Amino acid sequence: MAKLSLTPEALALIADRFKVLAEPARLQILSCLRKRELTVSEIVDQTGLGQANVSKHLQLLLSQGFVARRKDGLYAHYALADHRVFQLCDLMCDSLNAVLARKR
């Protein structure tokens, strides 16, 4: 796959994606969805966040393509749309570990 040219427009898109991931509650929700599809109620139970808060974050994650939604009767089930988001998290964790190791 060809890499994007880092035009100002491409950089703005990249920055927007990182802004979505810059919220701990959204990372917590994505982490819950790492293993399996969940309903809003299940995410609320697992995170301890409020239902309105979870719904708000899920809408943003959905609009940015991080999660997918499947309706089943009265329930909406959410799942990761792209598991590669955790490659970013792993890279960041490795980077933080390296910084901490250098400081020790």
N, C-alpha and C. Protein backbone atom coordinates (compact mmCIF):
# COMPACT_ATOMS: atom_id res chain seq x y z
N MET A 1 0.84 -1.17 0.00
CA MET A 1 0.00 0.00 0.00
C MET A 1 0.88 1.24 0.00
N ALA A 2 0.57 2.20 -0.85
CA ALA A 2 1.35 3.43 -0.94
C ALA A 2 1.11 4.30 0.29
N LYS A 3 2.15 4.95 0.73
CA LYS A 3 2.02 5.84 1.88
C LYS A 3 1.49 7.18 1.39
N LEU A 4 0.72 7.85 2.28
CA LEU A 4 0.22 9.18 1.97
C LEU A 4 1.37 10.16 1.86
N SER A 5 1.24 11.07 0.92
CA SER A 5 2.17 12.17 0.88
C SER A 5 1.83 13.09 2.06
N LEU A 6 2.82 13.60 2.74
CA LEU A 6 2.56 14.39 3.92
C LEU A 6 2.30 15.86 3.55
N THR A 7 1.23 16.04 2.80
CA THR A 7 0.77 17.37 2.46
C THR A 7 0.12 17.99 3.69
N PRO A 8 -0.12 19.27 3.69
CA PRO A 8 -0.84 19.87 4.83
C PRO A 8 -2.20 19.22 5.07
N GLU A 9 -2.89 18.83 4.02
CA GLU A 9 -4.19 18.17 4.17
C GLU A 9 -4.05 16.81 4.82
N ALA A 10 -3.04 16.05 4.40
CA ALA A 10 -2.81 14.72 4.98
C ALA A 10 -2.42 14.85 6.45
N LEU A 11 -1.57 15.82 6.75
CA LEU A 11 -1.16 16.04 8.15
C LEU A 11 -2.36 16.42 9.02
N ALA A 12 -3.28 17.19 8.48
CA ALA A 12 -4.48 17.57 9.23
C ALA A 12 -5.34 16.33 9.51
N LEU A 13 -5.46 15.44 8.54
CA LEU A 13 -6.22 14.20 8.74
C LEU A 13 -5.57 13.32 9.80
N ILE A 14 -4.26 13.22 9.74
CA ILE A 14 -3.53 12.42 10.73
C ILE A 14 -3.71 13.02 12.12
N ALA A 15 -3.60 14.33 12.23
CA ALA A 15 -3.78 15.01 13.52
C ALA A 15 -5.18 14.78 14.07
N ASP A 16 -6.19 14.80 13.20
CA ASP A 16 -7.56 14.56 13.64
C ASP A 16 -7.71 13.16 14.21
N ARG A 17 -7.09 12.18 13.57
CA ARG A 17 -7.17 10.80 14.07
C ARG A 17 -6.48 10.68 15.44
N PHE A 18 -5.33 11.32 15.59
CA PHE A 18 -4.65 11.27 16.87
C PHE A 18 -5.43 12.00 17.96
N LYS A 19 -6.14 13.07 17.61
CA LYS A 19 -6.96 13.78 18.59
C LYS A 19 -8.03 12.87 19.16
N VAL A 20 -8.60 12.02 18.31
CA VAL A 20 -9.62 11.08 18.78
C VAL A 20 -9.02 10.14 19.82
N LEU A 21 -7.79 9.73 19.61
CA LEU A 21 -7.12 8.80 20.52
C LEU A 21 -6.52 9.49 21.74
N ALA A 22 -6.59 10.80 21.80
CA ALA A 22 -5.97 11.56 22.89
C ALA A 22 -6.85 11.62 24.14
N GLU A 23 -7.96 10.94 24.14
CA GLU A 23 -8.89 10.95 25.27
C GLU A 23 -8.83 9.59 25.97
N PRO A 24 -8.43 9.57 27.26
CA PRO A 24 -8.32 8.29 27.97
C PRO A 24 -9.61 7.45 27.97
N ALA A 25 -10.75 8.08 28.06
CA ALA A 25 -12.01 7.32 28.06
C ALA A 25 -12.22 6.58 26.74
N ARG A 26 -11.84 7.22 25.63
CA ARG A 26 -11.98 6.54 24.33
C ARG A 26 -11.01 5.37 24.22
N LEU A 27 -9.81 5.53 24.75
CA LEU A 27 -8.85 4.43 24.75
C LEU A 27 -9.36 3.29 25.62
N GLN A 28 -9.99 3.63 26.73
CA GLN A 28 -10.57 2.62 27.61
C GLN A 28 -11.68 1.84 26.88
N ILE A 29 -12.51 2.55 26.15
CA ILE A 29 -13.58 1.90 25.38
C ILE A 29 -12.99 0.99 24.31
N LEU A 30 -12.00 1.48 23.59
CA LEU A 30 -11.36 0.65 22.57
C LEU A 30 -10.73 -0.59 23.19
N SER A 31 -10.14 -0.43 24.35
CA SER A 31 -9.54 -1.57 25.03
C SER A 31 -10.59 -2.62 25.38
N CYS A 32 -11.76 -2.19 25.81
CA CYS A 32 -12.86 -3.13 26.11
C CYS A 32 -13.27 -3.90 24.86
N LEU A 33 -13.25 -3.20 23.73
CA LEU A 33 -13.69 -3.82 22.48
C LEU A 33 -12.60 -4.68 21.83
N ARG A 34 -11.44 -4.69 22.42
CA ARG A 34 -10.31 -5.44 21.84
C ARG A 34 -10.61 -6.93 21.75
N LYS A 35 -11.33 -7.46 22.74
CA LYS A 35 -11.58 -8.90 22.79
C LYS A 35 -12.84 -9.32 22.04
N ARG A 36 -13.90 -8.48 22.13
CA ARG A 36 -15.15 -8.89 21.50
C ARG A 36 -16.10 -7.71 21.36
N GLU A 37 -17.11 -7.93 20.59
CA GLU A 37 -18.19 -6.97 20.38
C GLU A 37 -18.97 -6.79 21.69
N LEU A 38 -19.38 -5.54 21.97
CA LEU A 38 -20.11 -5.24 23.20
C LEU A 38 -21.24 -4.26 22.93
N THR A 39 -22.26 -4.30 23.79
CA THR A 39 -23.31 -3.29 23.75
C THR A 39 -22.87 -2.10 24.59
N VAL A 40 -23.60 -1.01 24.48
CA VAL A 40 -23.29 0.18 25.27
C VAL A 40 -23.35 -0.17 26.76
N SER A 41 -24.37 -0.90 27.17
CA SER A 41 -24.51 -1.27 28.59
C SER A 41 -23.32 -2.09 29.07
N GLU A 42 -22.84 -2.99 28.25
CA GLU A 42 -21.68 -3.80 28.63
C GLU A 42 -20.43 -2.92 28.76
N ILE A 43 -20.29 -1.95 27.86
CA ILE A 43 -19.14 -1.04 27.93
C ILE A 43 -19.23 -0.19 29.19
N VAL A 44 -20.43 0.29 29.51
CA VAL A 44 -20.65 1.05 30.74
C VAL A 44 -20.24 0.22 31.95
N ASP A 45 -20.68 -1.03 32.00
CA ASP A 45 -20.35 -1.92 33.12
C ASP A 45 -18.85 -2.15 33.24
N GLN A 46 -18.18 -2.33 32.11
CA GLN A 46 -16.75 -2.63 32.14
C GLN A 46 -15.88 -1.42 32.44
N THR A 47 -16.34 -0.24 32.03
CA THR A 47 -15.51 0.96 32.20
C THR A 47 -15.85 1.78 33.43
N GLY A 48 -17.09 1.69 33.89
CA GLY A 48 -17.54 2.54 34.99
C GLY A 48 -17.89 3.94 34.53
N LEU A 49 -17.82 4.19 33.24
CA LEU A 49 -18.21 5.49 32.69
C LEU A 49 -19.72 5.56 32.60
N GLY A 50 -20.27 6.77 32.54
CA GLY A 50 -21.71 6.93 32.41
C GLY A 50 -22.20 6.58 31.02
N GLN A 51 -23.47 6.21 30.93
CA GLN A 51 -24.04 5.79 29.65
C GLN A 51 -23.99 6.91 28.61
N ALA A 52 -24.33 8.13 29.01
CA ALA A 52 -24.31 9.25 28.06
C ALA A 52 -22.88 9.52 27.58
N ASN A 53 -21.92 9.41 28.48
CA ASN A 53 -20.52 9.62 28.15
C ASN A 53 -20.03 8.56 27.17
N VAL A 54 -20.34 7.31 27.45
CA VAL A 54 -19.95 6.21 26.55
C VAL A 54 -20.57 6.40 25.18
N SER A 55 -21.85 6.73 25.14
CA SER A 55 -22.54 6.93 23.86
C SER A 55 -21.89 8.05 23.05
N LYS A 56 -21.55 9.14 23.73
CA LYS A 56 -20.90 10.27 23.05
C LYS A 56 -19.56 9.84 22.44
N HIS A 57 -18.76 9.14 23.22
CA HIS A 57 -17.46 8.70 22.73
C HIS A 57 -17.60 7.68 21.59
N LEU A 58 -18.57 6.78 21.72
CA LEU A 58 -18.79 5.80 20.65
C LEU A 58 -19.18 6.47 19.34
N GLN A 59 -19.98 7.52 19.41
CA GLN A 59 -20.38 8.23 18.19
C GLN A 59 -19.16 8.82 17.48
N LEU A 60 -18.25 9.39 18.26
CA LEU A 60 -17.03 9.95 17.66
C LEU A 60 -16.15 8.84 17.10
N LEU A 61 -15.98 7.78 17.87
CA LEU A 61 -15.18 6.64 17.39
C LEU A 61 -15.77 6.03 16.13
N LEU A 62 -17.09 5.99 16.06
CA LEU A 62 -17.78 5.47 14.87
C LEU A 62 -17.56 6.40 13.68
N SER A 63 -17.73 7.69 13.90
CA SER A 63 -17.59 8.66 12.79
C SER A 63 -16.17 8.69 12.24
N GLN A 64 -15.19 8.37 13.07
CA GLN A 64 -13.80 8.37 12.64
C GLN A 64 -13.30 7.00 12.18
N GLY A 65 -14.20 6.01 12.17
CA GLY A 65 -13.86 4.71 11.63
C GLY A 65 -13.11 3.78 12.57
N PHE A 66 -13.05 4.11 13.85
CA PHE A 66 -12.37 3.24 14.80
C PHE A 66 -13.23 2.07 15.24
N VAL A 67 -14.55 2.26 15.27
CA VAL A 67 -15.47 1.19 15.65
C VAL A 67 -16.55 1.04 14.58
N ALA A 68 -17.17 -0.13 14.61
CA ALA A 68 -18.31 -0.43 13.74
C ALA A 68 -19.51 -0.71 14.64
N ARG A 69 -20.70 -0.47 14.12
CA ARG A 69 -21.92 -0.69 14.90
C ARG A 69 -22.82 -1.65 14.14
N ARG A 70 -23.42 -2.57 14.90
CA ARG A 70 -24.38 -3.52 14.34
C ARG A 70 -25.63 -3.46 15.20
N LYS A 71 -26.77 -3.21 14.55
CA LYS A 71 -28.04 -3.15 15.28
C LYS A 71 -28.63 -4.55 15.36
N ASP A 72 -29.17 -4.87 16.55
CA ASP A 72 -29.85 -6.14 16.77
C ASP A 72 -31.07 -5.85 17.64
N GLY A 73 -32.19 -5.62 17.01
CA GLY A 73 -33.39 -5.24 17.75
C GLY A 73 -33.19 -3.89 18.40
N LEU A 74 -33.36 -3.84 19.72
CA LEU A 74 -33.21 -2.59 20.46
C LEU A 74 -31.75 -2.27 20.79
N TYR A 75 -30.87 -3.21 20.56
CA TYR A 75 -29.48 -3.06 20.99
C TYR A 75 -28.56 -2.71 19.83
N ALA A 76 -27.57 -1.89 20.15
CA ALA A 76 -26.48 -1.61 19.21
C ALA A 76 -25.24 -2.29 19.76
N HIS A 77 -24.61 -3.07 18.93
CA HIS A 77 -23.39 -3.78 19.30
C HIS A 77 -22.22 -3.07 18.61
N TYR A 78 -21.19 -2.81 19.38
CA TYR A 78 -20.00 -2.14 18.85
C TYR A 78 -18.83 -3.09 18.84
N ALA A 79 -18.01 -2.95 17.81
CA ALA A 79 -16.81 -3.76 17.65
C ALA A 79 -15.71 -2.89 17.05
N LEU A 80 -14.48 -3.32 17.21
CA LEU A 80 -13.38 -2.60 16.56
C LEU A 80 -13.53 -2.71 15.06
N ALA A 81 -13.37 -1.62 14.36
CA ALA A 81 -13.42 -1.64 12.91
C ALA A 81 -12.04 -1.94 12.33
N ASP A 82 -11.01 -1.62 13.09
CA ASP A 82 -9.65 -1.80 12.61
C ASP A 82 -8.74 -2.08 13.80
N HIS A 83 -8.30 -3.31 13.94
CA HIS A 83 -7.48 -3.70 15.08
C HIS A 83 -6.08 -3.07 15.04
N ARG A 84 -5.72 -2.44 13.93
CA ARG A 84 -4.40 -1.82 13.83
C ARG A 84 -4.23 -0.67 14.80
N VAL A 85 -5.32 -0.16 15.36
CA VAL A 85 -5.20 0.91 16.33
C VAL A 85 -4.32 0.47 17.51
N PHE A 86 -4.32 -0.82 17.80
CA PHE A 86 -3.50 -1.32 18.91
C PHE A 86 -2.03 -1.42 18.53
N GLN A 87 -1.73 -1.43 17.24
CA GLN A 87 -0.33 -1.32 16.83
C GLN A 87 0.21 0.04 17.22
N LEU A 88 -0.63 1.07 17.06
CA LEU A 88 -0.24 2.42 17.51
C LEU A 88 0.00 2.44 19.01
N CYS A 89 -0.91 1.83 19.74
CA CYS A 89 -0.78 1.78 21.21
C CYS A 89 0.49 1.04 21.61
N ASP A 90 0.77 -0.07 20.95
CA ASP A 90 1.98 -0.83 21.25
C ASP A 90 3.23 -0.02 20.96
N LEU A 91 3.23 0.70 19.84
CA LEU A 91 4.38 1.55 19.51
C LEU A 91 4.58 2.62 20.58
N MET A 92 3.50 3.22 21.03
CA MET A 92 3.60 4.26 22.05
C MET A 92 4.10 3.67 23.37
N CYS A 93 3.59 2.50 23.74
CA CYS A 93 4.05 1.85 24.98
C CYS A 93 5.54 1.52 24.90
N ASP A 94 5.98 1.01 23.75
CA ASP A 94 7.41 0.71 23.58
C ASP A 94 8.24 1.98 23.70
N SER A 95 7.76 3.06 23.09
CA SER A 95 8.46 4.33 23.15
C SER A 95 8.53 4.84 24.59
N LEU A 96 7.42 4.76 25.31
CA LEU A 96 7.42 5.21 26.72
C LEU A 96 8.34 4.36 27.58
N ASN A 97 8.36 3.06 27.36
CA ASN A 97 9.26 2.19 28.11
C ASN A 97 10.73 2.54 27.84
N ALA A 98 11.04 2.87 26.59
CA ALA A 98 12.41 3.24 26.25
C ALA A 98 12.80 4.56 26.94
N VAL A 99 11.90 5.51 26.96
CA VAL A 99 12.16 6.79 27.62
C VAL A 99 12.38 6.58 29.12
N LEU A 100 11.52 5.77 29.73
CA LEU A 100 11.64 5.49 31.17
C LEU A 100 12.94 4.76 31.47
N ALA A 101 13.31 3.84 30.61
CA ALA A 101 14.56 3.08 30.83
C ALA A 101 15.78 4.02 30.76
N ARG A 102 15.75 4.97 29.84
CA ARG A 102 16.86 5.92 29.72
C ARG A 102 16.95 6.83 30.94
N LYS A 103 15.80 7.14 31.54
CA LYS A 103 15.78 8.03 32.71
C LYS A 103 16.26 7.33 33.97
N ARG A 104 16.17 5.99 33.98
CA ARG A 104 16.59 5.23 35.18
C ARG A 104 18.05 5.15 35.28
